[in-house]
């Protein structure tokens, strides 16, 4: 990111000033909080989003405990990012668990159907 302000943290490979860090985190949070955020079965994208949201929460905590002088609004933004990240990642992990369970059930059902098709009729 090209910014004249001093970088306070990084997310992934990018360095961010405080304002751009908050903006990036809010973009990710809005994406994760959207009901249509991820297509069903897109596990790689879901895992990537979860990783980035966890990273945002970790960086927000590090900034808040660091030596950067923060006003009350800055602290409130960091707390909002931290709490919202927790809510969104919990919801996404539950969604991922339900999708994995559904997929496992479908695979087990398919195996059952395939296993009974070759045996003939039961009397």
Protein backbone atom coordinates (compact mmCIF):
# COMPACT_ATOMS: atom_id res chain seq x y z
CA UNK A 1 0.00 0.00 0.00
CA UNK A 2 1.33 3.41 -0.97
CA UNK A 3 0.75 5.78 1.96
CA UNK A 4 2.71 8.71 3.38
CA UNK A 5 1.88 7.71 6.95
CA UNK A 6 4.09 5.40 8.99
CA UNK A 7 3.21 1.70 8.82
CA UNK A 8 2.03 0.32 12.16
CA UNK A 9 1.47 -3.30 11.17
CA UNK A 10 1.20 -5.71 8.30
CA UNK A 11 -1.47 -8.10 7.13
CA UNK A 12 -0.09 -10.79 4.90
CA UNK A 13 2.65 -9.22 2.81
CA UNK A 14 1.27 -5.67 2.97
CA UNK A 15 2.26 -2.94 5.42
CA UNK A 16 -0.47 -0.60 6.64
CA UNK A 17 -0.77 2.70 8.46
CA UNK A 18 -3.39 2.71 11.22
CA UNK A 19 -6.23 4.07 9.06
CA UNK A 20 -5.56 1.73 6.15
CA UNK A 21 -5.23 -1.23 8.53
CA UNK A 22 -8.67 -0.48 9.99
CA UNK A 23 -10.15 -0.03 6.52
CA UNK A 24 -8.71 -3.36 5.33
CA UNK A 25 -10.02 -5.17 8.41
CA UNK A 26 -13.49 -3.70 7.92
CA UNK A 27 -13.47 -4.83 4.27
CA UNK A 28 -12.67 -8.39 5.37
CA UNK A 29 -15.22 -8.28 8.18
CA UNK A 30 -17.99 -7.08 5.88
CA UNK A 31 -17.12 -9.83 3.42
CA UNK A 32 -17.19 -12.49 6.12
CA UNK A 33 -20.38 -11.13 7.66
CA UNK A 34 -22.30 -11.16 4.39
CA UNK A 35 -24.78 -14.06 4.11
CA UNK A 36 -23.65 -14.58 0.52
CA UNK A 37 -19.99 -14.21 1.40
CA UNK A 38 -18.81 -17.60 0.20
CA UNK A 39 -20.12 -20.12 -2.25
CA UNK A 40 -21.02 -23.46 -0.75
CA UNK A 41 -18.08 -25.82 -0.80
CA UNK A 42 -15.41 -23.17 -1.38
CA UNK A 43 -13.23 -24.44 1.47
CA UNK A 44 -9.98 -22.83 0.32
CA UNK A 45 -11.54 -19.38 0.16
CA UNK A 46 -13.24 -19.87 3.53
CA UNK A 47 -9.99 -21.00 5.13
CA UNK A 48 -8.18 -18.00 3.65
CA UNK A 49 -10.80 -15.58 4.94
CA UNK A 50 -10.70 -17.16 8.40
CA UNK A 51 -6.91 -16.87 8.44
CA UNK A 52 -7.00 -13.19 7.42
CA UNK A 53 -9.69 -12.36 9.97
CA UNK A 54 -7.70 -14.08 12.73
CA UNK A 55 -4.65 -12.11 11.60
CA UNK A 56 -6.62 -8.83 11.74
CA UNK A 57 -7.75 -9.61 15.29
CA UNK A 58 -4.21 -10.50 16.34
CA UNK A 59 -2.76 -7.33 14.79
CA UNK A 60 -5.49 -5.17 16.37
CA UNK A 61 -4.58 -6.60 19.77
CA UNK A 62 -0.86 -6.06 19.13
CA UNK A 63 -1.44 -2.43 18.12
CA UNK A 64 -3.61 -1.76 21.15
CA UNK A 65 -0.97 -3.15 23.51
CA UNK A 66 1.94 -1.58 21.65
CA UNK A 67 3.71 1.72 22.07
CA UNK A 68 1.69 3.65 19.49
CA UNK A 69 -0.16 6.59 21.00
CA UNK A 70 -3.88 6.00 20.51
CA UNK A 71 -6.85 8.21 21.28
CA UNK A 72 -10.20 6.83 22.47
CA UNK A 73 -11.60 6.62 18.93
CA UNK A 74 -8.58 4.60 17.76
CA UNK A 75 -8.91 2.24 20.73
CA UNK A 76 -12.64 1.87 20.04
CA UNK A 77 -11.95 0.97 16.39
CA UNK A 78 -9.43 -1.68 17.44
CA UNK A 79 -11.83 -3.12 20.00
CA UNK A 80 -14.60 -3.18 17.39
CA UNK A 81 -12.33 -5.05 14.96
CA UNK A 82 -11.31 -7.53 17.65
CA UNK A 83 -14.88 -8.25 18.80
CA UNK A 84 -16.40 -8.33 15.32
CA UNK A 85 -13.62 -10.66 14.13
CA UNK A 86 -14.48 -13.03 16.96
CA UNK A 87 -18.16 -13.04 16.01
CA UNK A 88 -17.55 -13.52 12.29
CA UNK A 89 -14.89 -16.22 12.64
CA UNK A 90 -17.09 -18.16 15.09
CA UNK A 91 -19.99 -18.04 12.64
CA UNK A 92 -17.80 -19.02 9.67
CA UNK A 93 -16.25 -21.93 11.58
CA UNK A 94 -19.72 -23.19 12.49
CA UNK A 95 -20.76 -22.83 8.85
CA UNK A 96 -17.66 -24.74 7.77
CA UNK A 97 -18.38 -27.49 10.32
CA UNK A 98 -21.98 -27.87 9.13
CA UNK A 99 -20.86 -27.96 5.51
CA UNK A 100 -18.20 -30.58 6.29
CA UNK A 101 -20.74 -32.69 8.20
CA UNK A 102 -23.24 -32.41 5.35
CA UNK A 103 -20.58 -33.37 2.82
CA UNK A 104 -19.49 -36.35 4.93
CA UNK A 105 -23.12 -37.46 5.22
CA UNK A 106 -23.60 -37.22 1.48
CA UNK A 107 -20.43 -39.23 0.87
CA UNK A 108 -21.56 -41.90 3.34
CA UNK A 109 -24.97 -42.03 1.68
CA UNK A 110 -23.35 -42.41 -1.73
CA UNK A 111 -21.17 -45.26 -0.44
CA UNK A 112 -24.25 -46.96 0.99
CA UNK A 113 -26.12 -46.66 -2.31
CA UNK A 114 -23.13 -47.91 -4.29
CA UNK A 115 -22.65 -50.82 -1.85
CA UNK A 116 -26.26 -52.00 -2.06
CA UNK A 117 -26.62 -51.67 -5.82
CA UNK A 118 -24.29 -54.55 -6.59
CA UNK A 119 -25.86 -57.01 -4.12
CA UNK A 120 -29.27 -57.55 -5.62
CA UNK A 121 -32.55 -57.74 -3.71
CA UNK A 122 -32.86 -58.58 -0.08
CA UNK A 123 -35.76 -60.83 0.95
